[in-house]
PDB file of N, CA and C in Angstrom:
ATOM      1  N   MET A   1      90.537  45.082 -60.099  1.00  0.00           N
ATOM      2  CA  MET A   1      91.072  43.730 -59.981  1.00  0.00           C
ATOM      3  C   MET A   1      90.155  43.283 -59.660  1.00  0.00           C
ATOM      4  N   ARG A   2      89.308  42.148 -60.015  1.00  0.00           N
ATOM      5  CA  ARG A   2      88.182  41.107 -59.517  1.00  0.00           C
ATOM      6  C   ARG A   2      89.207  39.795 -58.759  1.00  0.00           C
ATOM      7  N   ILE A   3      87.958  39.557 -57.375  1.00  0.00           N
ATOM      8  CA  ILE A   3      89.203  38.475 -56.828  1.00  0.00           C
ATOM      9  C   ILE A   3      87.997  37.443 -56.548  1.00  0.00           C
ATOM     10  N   PRO A   4      87.984  36.418 -56.754  1.00  0.00           N
ATOM     11  CA  PRO A   4      87.115  35.155 -56.505  1.00  0.00           C
ATOM     12  C   PRO A   4      86.161  35.446 -55.218  1.00  0.00           C
ATOM     13  N   GLU A   5      85.402  34.690 -55.719  1.00  0.00           N
ATOM     14  CA  GLU A   5      84.521  34.503 -53.731  1.00  0.00           C
ATOM     15  C   GLU A   5      85.727  34.112 -53.453  1.00  0.00           C
ATOM     16  N   GLY A   6      85.331  34.267 -51.271  1.00  0.00           N
ATOM     17  CA  GLY A   6      85.894  33.718 -50.317  1.00  0.00           C
ATOM     18  C   GLY A   6      87.429  33.844 -50.659  1.00  0.00           C
ATOM     19  N   ALA A   7      88.256  34.723 -51.460  1.00  0.00           N
ATOM     20  CA  ALA A   7      89.370  34.209 -51.809  1.00  0.00           C
ATOM     21  C   ALA A   7      89.500  35.247 -50.716  1.00  0.00           C
ATOM     22  N   PRO A   8      90.979  35.392 -49.780  1.00  0.00           N
ATOM     23  CA  PRO A   8      90.997  36.274 -49.015  1.00  0.00           C
ATOM     24  C   PRO A   8      91.894  37.564 -49.968  1.00  0.00           C
ATOM     25  N   VAL A   9      91.416  38.921 -49.149  1.00  0.00           N
ATOM     26  CA  VAL A   9      91.646  39.989 -50.479  1.00  0.00           C
ATOM     27  C   VAL A   9      92.985  40.631 -49.583  1.00  0.00           C
ATOM     28  N   PRO A  10      93.995  40.676 -50.218  1.00  0.00           N
ATOM     29  CA  PRO A  10      95.156  41.736 -49.531  1.00  0.00           C
ATOM     30  C   PRO A  10      95.441  42.795 -49.003  1.00  0.00           C
ATOM     31  N   PHE A  11      95.781  43.501 -47.892  1.00  0.00           N
ATOM     32  CA  PHE A  11      95.555  45.109 -47.537  1.00  0.00           C
ATOM     33  C   PHE A  11      95.764  45.764 -48.461  1.00  0.00           C
ATOM     34  N   TRP A  12      96.319  46.146 -48.988  1.00  0.00           N
ATOM     35  CA  TRP A  12      97.365  47.106 -50.024  1.00  0.00           C
ATOM     36  C   TRP A  12      95.474  47.677 -50.756  1.00  0.00           C
ATOM     37  N   LEU A  13      95.182  46.291 -51.413  1.00  0.00           N
ATOM     38  CA  LEU A  13      94.660  45.920 -52.465  1.00  0.00           C
ATOM     39  C   LEU A  13      93.172  46.794 -51.873  1.00  0.00           C
ATOM     40  N   SER A  14      92.669  46.174 -50.644  1.00  0.00           N
ATOM     41  CA  SER A  14      91.762  46.225 -50.386  1.00  0.00           C
ATOM     42  C   SER A  14      91.666  48.106 -49.847  1.00  0.00           C
ATOM     43  N   ILE A  15      92.443  48.691 -49.836  1.00  0.00           N
ATOM     44  CA  ILE A  15      92.287  49.727 -49.551  1.00  0.00           C
ATOM     45  C   ILE A  15      92.498  51.178 -50.696  1.00  0.00           C
ATOM     46  N   ARG A  16      92.947  50.098 -51.772  1.00  0.00           N
ATOM     47  CA  ARG A  16      93.247  50.488 -53.074  1.00  0.00           C
ATOM     48  C   ARG A  16      91.243  50.089 -54.091  1.00  0.00           C
ATOM     49  N   ASN A  17      90.522  49.338 -53.115  1.00  0.00           N
ATOM     50  CA  ASN A  17      89.324  48.998 -53.879  1.00  0.00           C
ATOM     51  C   ASN A  17      88.083  50.412 -53.147  1.00  0.00           C
ATOM     52  N   ARG A  18      88.750  51.020 -51.498  1.00  0.00           N
ATOM     53  CA  ARG A  18      87.955  51.655 -51.173  1.00  0.00           C
ATOM     54  C   ARG A  18      88.309  53.095 -51.457  1.00  0.00           C
ATOM     55  N   PHE A  19      89.352  53.544 -51.677  1.00  0.00           N
ATOM     56  CA  PHE A  19      89.348  54.652 -52.347  1.00  0.00           C
ATOM     57  C   PHE A  19      89.918  54.635 -53.318  1.00  0.00           C
ATOM     58  N   PRO A  20      88.764  54.603 -54.709  1.00  0.00           N
ATOM     59  CA  PRO A  20      89.550  55.098 -55.749  1.00  0.00           C
ATOM     60  C   PRO A  20      90.602  56.074 -56.398  1.00  0.00           C
ATOM     61  N   ARG A  21      91.295  56.968 -55.342  1.00  0.00           N
ATOM     62  CA  ARG A  21      91.951  57.897 -55.808  1.00  0.00           C
ATOM     63  C   ARG A  21      93.971  57.462 -55.298  1.00  0.00           C
ATOM     64  N   LEU A  22      93.123  56.003 -54.972  1.00  0.00           N
ATOM     65  CA  LEU A  22      94.652  55.593 -54.411  1.00  0.00           C
ATOM     66  C   LEU A  22      95.117  54.546 -55.562  1.00  0.00           C
ATOM     67  N   ALA A  23      93.952  54.496 -56.308  1.00  0.00           N
ATOM     68  CA  ALA A  23      94.579  53.354 -57.364  1.00  0.00           C
ATOM     69  C   ALA A  23      95.602  54.510 -58.534  1.00  0.00           C
ATOM     70  N   LYS A  24      95.554  55.631 -58.607  1.00  0.00           N
ATOM     71  CA  LYS A  24      96.235  56.381 -59.381  1.00  0.00           C
ATOM     72  C   LYS A  24      98.228  56.299 -58.696  1.00  0.00           C
ATOM     73  N   THR A  25      98.076  56.333 -57.505  1.00  0.00           N
ATOM     74  CA  THR A  25      99.181  55.755 -57.332  1.00  0.00           C
ATOM     75  C   THR A  25     100.314  54.606 -56.646  1.00  0.00           C
ATOM     76  N   ALA A  26     101.211  54.656 -57.124  1.00  0.00           N
ATOM     77  CA  ALA A  26     101.950  53.157 -56.889  1.00  0.00           C
ATOM     78  C   ALA A  26     102.597  53.165 -55.584  1.00  0.00           C
ATOM     79  N   ARG A  27     102.498  51.723 -55.382  1.00  0.00           N
ATOM     80  CA  ARG A  27     102.887  51.740 -53.521  1.00  0.00           C
ATOM     81  C   ARG A  27     104.429  51.937 -53.324  1.00  0.00           C
ATOM     82  N   PRO A  28     104.626  52.378 -52.706  1.00  0.00           N
ATOM     83  CA  PRO A  28     105.885  53.015 -52.269  1.00  0.00           C
ATOM     84  C   PRO A  28     106.941  51.666 -52.781  1.00  0.00           C
ATOM     85  N   THR A  29     108.188  52.248 -53.063  1.00  0.00           N
ATOM     86  CA  THR A  29     109.174  51.094 -52.737  1.00  0.00           C
ATOM     87  C   THR A  29     109.616  50.515 -51.402  1.00  0.00           C
ATOM     88  N   VAL A  30     111.095  49.307 -51.594  1.00  0.00           N
ATOM     89  CA  VAL A  30     111.460  49.321 -50.629  1.00  0.00           C
ATOM     90  C   VAL A  30     112.058  50.447 -49.711  1.00  0.00           C
ATOM     91  N   GLY A  31     112.731  50.655 -50.787  1.00  0.00           N
ATOM     92  CA  GLY A  31     114.208  51.729 -50.462  1.00  0.00           C
ATOM     93  C   GLY A  31     113.211  52.878 -49.758  1.00  0.00           C
ATOM     94  N   THR A  32     112.166  53.641 -50.392  1.00  0.00           N
ATOM     95  CA  THR A  32     111.585  54.947 -49.854  1.00  0.00           C
ATOM     96  C   THR A  32     111.259  54.737 -48.522  1.00  0.00           C
ATOM     97  N   VAL A  33     110.328  53.072 -48.430  1.00  0.00           N
ATOM     98  CA  VAL A  33     110.188  53.081 -47.149  1.00  0.00           C
ATOM     99  C   VAL A  33     110.918  52.879 -46.025  1.00  0.00           C
ATOM    100  N   ALA A  34     112.097  52.498 -45.990  1.00  0.00           N
ATOM    101  CA  ALA A  34     113.897  52.422 -45.528  1.00  0.00           C
ATOM    102  C   ALA A  34     114.144  53.686 -45.007  1.00  0.00           C
ATOM    103  N   VAL A  35     113.904  54.669 -46.296  1.00  0.00           N
ATOM    104  CA  VAL A  35     114.904  55.958 -45.777  1.00  0.00           C
ATOM    105  C   VAL A  35     113.700  56.945 -44.898  1.00  0.00           C
ATOM    106  N   ILE A  36     112.356  56.781 -45.287  1.00  0.00           N
ATOM    107  CA  ILE A  36     111.789  57.114 -44.580  1.00  0.00           C
ATOM    108  C   ILE A  36     111.431  56.782 -42.998  1.00  0.00           C
ATOM    109  N   THR A  37     111.865  55.545 -42.906  1.00  0.00           N
ATOM    110  CA  THR A  37     111.964  54.727 -41.195  1.00  0.00           C
ATOM    111  C   THR A  37     113.041  55.469 -40.978  1.00  0.00           C
ATOM    112  N   THR A  38     113.946  55.285 -41.377  1.00  0.00           N
ATOM    113  CA  THR A  38     115.246  56.038 -40.748  1.00  0.00           C
ATOM    114  C   THR A  38     115.522  57.411 -40.740  1.00  0.00           C
ATOM    115  N   GLY A  39     114.175  58.106 -41.089  1.00  0.00           N
ATOM    116  CA  GLY A  39     114.725  59.597 -40.403  1.00  0.00           C
ATOM    117  C   GLY A  39     113.665  59.793 -39.966  1.00  0.00           C
ATOM    118  N   ILE A  40     112.335  59.123 -39.736  1.00  0.00           N
ATOM    119  CA  ILE A  40     111.275  59.063 -38.480  1.00  0.00           C
ATOM    120  C   ILE A  40     112.356  58.518 -37.102  1.00  0.00           C
ATOM    121  N   ILE A  41     113.533  57.518 -37.151  1.00  0.00           N
ATOM    122  CA  ILE A  41     114.083  56.878 -36.057  1.00  0.00           C
ATOM    123  C   ILE A  41     115.071  57.782 -35.533  1.00  0.00           C
ATOM    124  N   THR A  42     115.786  58.451 -36.369  1.00  0.00           N
ATOM    125  CA  THR A  42     116.406  59.397 -36.818  1.00  0.00           C
ATOM    126  C   THR A  42     115.605  60.567 -35.212  1.00  0.00           C
ATOM    127  N   CYS A  43     115.342  60.895 -36.395  1.00  0.00           N
ATOM    128  CA  CYS A  43     113.926  62.282 -35.247  1.00  0.00           C
ATOM    129  C   CYS A  43     114.149  61.784 -33.748  1.00  0.00           C
ATOM    130  N   LEU A  44     113.254  60.644 -33.678  1.00  0.00           N
ATOM    131  CA  LEU A  44     113.062  60.069 -32.529  1.00  0.00           C
ATOM    132  C   LEU A  44     113.669  60.039 -31.466  1.00  0.00           C
ATOM    133  N   ALA A  45     115.345  59.727 -32.244  1.00  0.00           N
ATOM    134  CA  ALA A  45     116.442  59.769 -31.073  1.00  0.00           C
ATOM    135  C   ALA A  45     117.125  60.833 -30.726  1.00  0.00           C
ATOM    136  N   VAL A  46     117.111  61.965 -31.703  1.00  0.00           N
ATOM    137  CA  VAL A  46     117.471  63.499 -31.641  1.00  0.00           C
ATOM    138  C   VAL A  46     116.417  64.034 -30.583  1.00  0.00           C
ATOM    139  N   CYS A  47     114.995  63.677 -30.440  1.00  0.00           N
ATOM    140  CA  CYS A  47     114.189  63.795 -28.997  1.00  0.00           C
ATOM    141  C   CYS A  47     114.348  63.729 -28.220  1.00  0.00           C
ATOM    142  N   ALA A  48     114.804  62.329 -28.404  1.00  0.00           N
ATOM    143  CA  ALA A  48     115.139  61.794 -26.809  1.00  0.00           C
ATOM    144  C   ALA A  48     115.944  62.217 -25.717  1.00  0.00           C
ATOM    145  N   VAL A  49     117.191  62.535 -26.658  1.00  0.00           N
ATOM    146  CA  VAL A  49     118.423  63.211 -26.476  1.00  0.00           C
ATOM    147  C   VAL A  49     118.457  64.568 -25.668  1.00  0.00           C
ATOM    148  N   THR A  50     118.157  65.024 -26.719  1.00  0.00           N
ATOM    149  CA  THR A  50     117.691  66.649 -26.420  1.00  0.00           C
ATOM    150  C   THR A  50     116.762  67.408 -25.784  1.00  0.00           C
ATOM    151  N   VAL A  51     115.597  67.029 -26.071  1.00  0.00           N
ATOM    152  CA  VAL A  51     114.493  67.436 -25.902  1.00  0.00           C
ATOM    153  C   VAL A  51     113.769  67.010 -24.660  1.00  0.00           C
ATOM    154  N   TYR A  52     113.731  65.848 -24.228  1.00  0.00           N
ATOM    155  CA  TYR A  52     113.378  65.098 -23.064  1.00  0.00           C
ATOM    156  C   TYR A  52     114.095  65.898 -21.816  1.00  0.00           C
ATOM    157  N   PRO A  53     115.486  66.083 -21.986  1.00  0.00           N
ATOM    158  CA  PRO A  53     115.903  66.583 -20.683  1.00  0.00           C
ATOM    159  C   PRO A  53     115.625  67.446 -20.755  1.00  0.00           C
ATOM    160  N   LYS A  54     115.529  68.955 -21.470  1.00  0.00           N
ATOM    161  CA  LYS A  54     115.146  69.955 -20.864  1.00  0.00           C
ATOM    162  C   LYS A  54     113.509  69.784 -20.445  1.00  0.00           C
ATOM    163  N   TYR A  55     112.797  69.099 -21.399  1.00  0.00           N
ATOM    164  CA  TYR A  55     111.469  69.115 -20.575  1.00  0.00           C
ATOM    165  C   TYR A  55     111.384  68.824 -19.003  1.00  0.00           C
ATOM    166  N   TYR A  56     111.937  67.543 -18.580  1.00  0.00           N
ATOM    167  CA  TYR A  56     112.333  66.951 -17.333  1.00  0.00           C
ATOM    168  C   TYR A  56     113.344  67.456 -16.773  1.00  0.00           C
ATOM    169  N   ASN A  57     113.846  68.847 -16.428  1.00  0.00           N
ATOM    170  CA  ASN A  57     114.527  69.621 -16.098  1.00  0.00           C
ATOM    171  C   ASN A  57     115.325  69.188 -15.090  1.00  0.00           C
ATOM    172  N   ASP A  58     113.706  69.496 -13.507  1.00  0.00           N
ATOM    173  CA  ASP A  58     114.025  69.188 -12.129  1.00  0.00           C
ATOM    174  C   ASP A  58     114.538  67.447 -12.030  1.00  0.00           C
ATOM    175  N   TYR A  59     113.976  66.769 -13.009  1.00  0.00           N
ATOM    176  CA  TYR A  59     114.582  65.477 -12.330  1.00  0.00           C
ATOM    177  C   TYR A  59     115.960  65.111 -12.357  1.00  0.00           C
ATOM    178  N   TYR A  60     116.337  65.417 -13.831  1.00  0.00           N
ATOM    179  CA  TYR A  60     117.867  65.696 -14.316  1.00  0.00           C
ATOM    180  C   TYR A  60     118.679  66.401 -13.362  1.00  0.00           C
ATOM    181  N   LYS A  61     118.032  67.859 -12.478  1.00  0.00           N
ATOM    182  CA  LYS A  61     119.379  68.715 -12.151  1.00  0.00           C
ATOM    183  C   LYS A  61     118.856  67.574 -10.433  1.00  0.00           C
ATOM    184  N   ASN A  62     118.287  67.551  -9.813  1.00  0.00           N
ATOM    185  CA  ASN A  62     118.152  66.291  -8.617  1.00  0.00           C
ATOM    186  C   ASN A  62     119.079  64.774  -8.666  1.00  0.00           C
ATOM    187  N   ALA A  63     119.080  64.312 -10.153  1.00  0.00           N
ATOM    188  CA  ALA A  63     119.404  63.136  -9.811  1.00  0.00           C
ATOM    189  C   ALA A  63     121.388  63.419 -10.295  1.00  0.00           C
ATOM    190  N   GLN A  64     121.197  64.856 -10.886  1.00  0.00           N
ATOM    191  CA  GLN A  64     123.045  65.015 -10.575  1.00  0.00           C
ATOM    192  C   GLN A  64     123.105  65.787  -9.299  1.00  0.00           C
ATOM    193  N   LYS A  65     122.369  65.997  -8.758  1.00  0.00           N
ATOM    194  CA  LYS A  65     122.567  66.156  -7.241  1.00  0.00           C
ATOM    195  C   LYS A  65     123.333  65.389  -6.144  1.00  0.00           C
ATOM    196  N   GLU A  66     122.041  64.230  -6.429  1.00  0.00           N
ATOM    197  CA  GLU A  66     122.355  63.119  -5.886  1.00  0.00           C
ATOM    198  C   GLU A  66     123.635  62.495  -6.262  1.00  0.00           C
ATOM    199  N   GLU A  67     123.924  62.234  -6.920  1.00  0.00           N
ATOM    200  CA  GLU A  67     125.467  61.758  -7.840  1.00  0.00           C
ATOM    201  C   GLU A  67     126.729  61.984  -7.252  1.00  0.00           C
ATOM    202  N   ARG A  68     126.576  63.477  -7.155  1.00  0.00           N
ATOM    203  CA  ARG A  68     127.580  64.479  -6.857  1.00  0.00           C
ATOM    204  C   ARG A  68     127.587  64.580  -5.656  1.00  0.00           C
ATOM    205  N   ALA A  69     126.500  64.082  -4.785  1.00  0.00           N
ATOM    206  CA  ALA A  69     126.610  64.456  -3.085  1.00  0.00           C
ATOM    207  C   ALA A  69     127.528  63.191  -2.873  1.00  0.00           C
ATOM    208  N   LEU A  70     127.380  61.782  -3.521  1.00  0.00           N
ATOM    209  CA  LEU A  70     128.206  60.407  -3.310  1.00  0.00           C
ATOM    210  C   LEU A  70     129.711  60.787  -3.514  1.00  0.00           C
ATOM    211  N   LEU A  71     129.569  61.591  -4.211  1.00  0.00           N
ATOM    212  CA  LEU A  71     131.633  61.487  -4.309  1.00  0.00           C
ATOM    213  C   LEU A  71     131.949  62.348  -3.433  1.00  0.00           C
ATOM    214  N   ARG A  72     132.975  61.672  -2.994  1.00  0.00           N
ATOM    215  CA  ARG A  72     133.562  62.562  -1.525  1.00  0.00           C
ATOM    216  C   ARG A  72     135.530  62.493  -2.302  1.00  0.00           C
ATOM    217  N   LEU A  73     135.538  62.466  -3.221  1.00  0.00           N
ATOM    218  CA  LEU A  73     137.338  62.785  -3.366  1.00  0.00           C
ATOM    219  C   LEU A  73     137.196  64.312  -4.148  1.00  0.00           C
ATOM    220  N   ASP A  74     138.843  64.658  -3.766  1.00  0.00           N
ATOM    221  CA  ASP A  74     139.139  65.828  -4.119  1.00  0.00           C
ATOM    222  C   ASP A  74     139.869  65.829  -5.457  1.00  0.00           C
ATOM    223  N   ARG A  75     140.308  67.160  -6.011  1.00  0.00           N
ATOM    224  CA  ARG A  75     140.828  67.494  -6.967  1.00  0.00           C
ATOM    225  C   ARG A  75     141.737  66.121  -7.673  1.00  0.00           C
ATOM    226  N   GLU A  76     142.939  66.291  -6.860  1.00  0.00           N
ATOM    227  CA  GLU A  76     143.612  65.167  -6.414  1.00  0.00           C
ATOM    228  C   GLU A  76     143.250  63.971  -6.698  1.00  0.00           C
ATOM    229  N   GLN A  77     142.981  63.292  -6.027  1.00  0.00           N
ATOM    230  CA  GLN A  77     142.357  61.938  -5.842  1.00  0.00           C
ATOM    231  C   GLN A  77     141.390  61.721  -7.094  1.00  0.00           C
ATOM    232  N   LEU A  78     140.367  62.628  -7.677  1.00  0.00           N
ATOM    233  CA  LEU A  78     140.154  62.274  -9.131  1.00  0.00           C
ATOM    234  C   LEU A  78     140.855  62.411 -10.155  1.00  0.00           C
ATOM    235  N   ALA A  79     142.402  62.650 -10.138  1.00  0.00           N
ATOM    236  CA  ALA A  79     142.843  62.888 -11.229  1.00  0.00           C
ATOM    237  C   ALA A  79     143.415  61.593 -11.145  1.00  0.00           C
ATOM    238  N   GLY A  80     143.972  60.911 -10.085  1.00  0.00           N
ATOM    239  CA  GLY A  80     144.318  59.811 -10.357  1.00  0.00           C
ATOM    240  C   GLY A  80     146.137  59.933 -10.829  1.00  0.00           C
ATOM    241  N   PRO A  81     146.793  59.111 -11.037  1.00  0.00           N
ATOM    242  CA  PRO A  81     148.342  59.528 -11.944  1.00  0.00           C
ATOM    243  C   PRO A  81     148.617  60.026 -12.615  1.00  0.00           C
ATOM    244  N   GLN A  82     147.545  60.681 -13.092  1.00  0.00           N
ATOM    245  CA  GLN A  82     147.637  62.230 -13.759  1.00  0.00           C
ATOM    246  C   GLN A  82     147.898  63.494 -12.660  1.00  0.00           C
ATOM    247  N   ASN A  83     148.664  64.511 -13.231  1.00  0.00           N
ATOM    248  CA  ASN A  83     148.532  65.672 -12.503  1.00  0.00           C
ATOM    249  C   ASN A  83     147.594  66.180 -12.552  1.00  0.00           C
ATOM    250  N   ALA A  84     147.282  66.888 -11.568  1.00  0.00           N
ATOM    251  CA  ALA A  84     145.997  67.900 -11.306  1.00  0.00           C
ATOM    252  C   ALA A  84     145.731  69.251 -11.794  1.00  0.00           C
ATOM    253  N   TRP A  85     144.805  68.974 -12.445  1.00  0.00           N
ATOM    254  CA  TRP A  85     145.109  70.680 -13.177  1.00  0.00           C
ATOM    255  C   TRP A  85     145.110  71.716 -12.596  1.00  0.00           C
ATOM    256  N   ARG A  86     146.240  72.864 -12.593  1.00  0.00           N
ATOM    257  CA  ARG A  86     145.996  74.279 -12.048  1.00  0.00           C
ATOM    258  C   ARG A  86     146.143  75.078 -13.247  1.00  0.00           C
ATOM    259  N   ASP A  87     145.346  76.552 -12.407  1.00  0.00           N
ATOM    260  CA  ASP A  87     145.572  77.271 -13.709  1.00  0.00           C
ATOM    261  C   ASP A  87     146.670  78.347 -14.070  1.00  0.00           C
ATOM    262  N   PRO A  88     147.625  77.812 -15.048  1.00  0.00           N
ATOM    263  CA  PRO A  88     149.175  78.485 -15.397  1.00  0.00           C
ATOM    264  C   PRO A  88     149.001  79.806 -15.527  1.00  0.00           C
ATOM    265  N   PHE A  89     147.757  80.663 -15.440  1.00  0.00           N
ATOM    266  CA  PHE A  89     147.873  82.129 -15.439  1.00  0.00           C
ATOM    267  C   PHE A  89     147.241  82.349 -13.725  1.00  0.00           C
ATOM    268  N   GLU A  90     147.372  81.842 -12.759  1.00  0.00           N
ATOM    269  CA  GLU A  90     146.681  82.163 -11.599  1.00  0.00           C
ATOM    270  C   GLU A  90     148.233  82.614 -10.883  1.00  0.00           C
ATOM    271  N   LYS A  91     147.674  84.087 -10.406  1.00  0.00           N
ATOM    272  CA  LYS A  91     148.698  84.424  -9.599  1.00  0.00           C
ATOM    273  C   LYS A  91     149.193  84.097  -8.062  1.00  0.00           C
ATOM    274  N   LYS A  92     150.085  84.162  -7.824  1.00  0.00           N
ATOM    275  CA  LYS A  92     151.157  83.437  -6.759  1.00  0.00           C
ATOM    276  C   LYS A  92     151.054  84.383  -5.675  1.00  0.00           C
TER     277      LYS A  92
END
């Protein structure tokens, strides 16, 4: 496609002009872009929830140890108005 002298060239057209093989392929539809973006975001979220804590295991161990040190309650106080759990198979 010819463009008049001095007219702005759209990004996708400039890419297609530089790489003629891309002229054979069509521009992806909005739906395709949305599905791929959703997949990438989902993969990143799963990575943030599962892989990141495994990689920085020491940090999470220390944070959990500090949080548990701040708790000064026993099992009965933590249960609140509910009955505290006890093992029904415990031998008396």
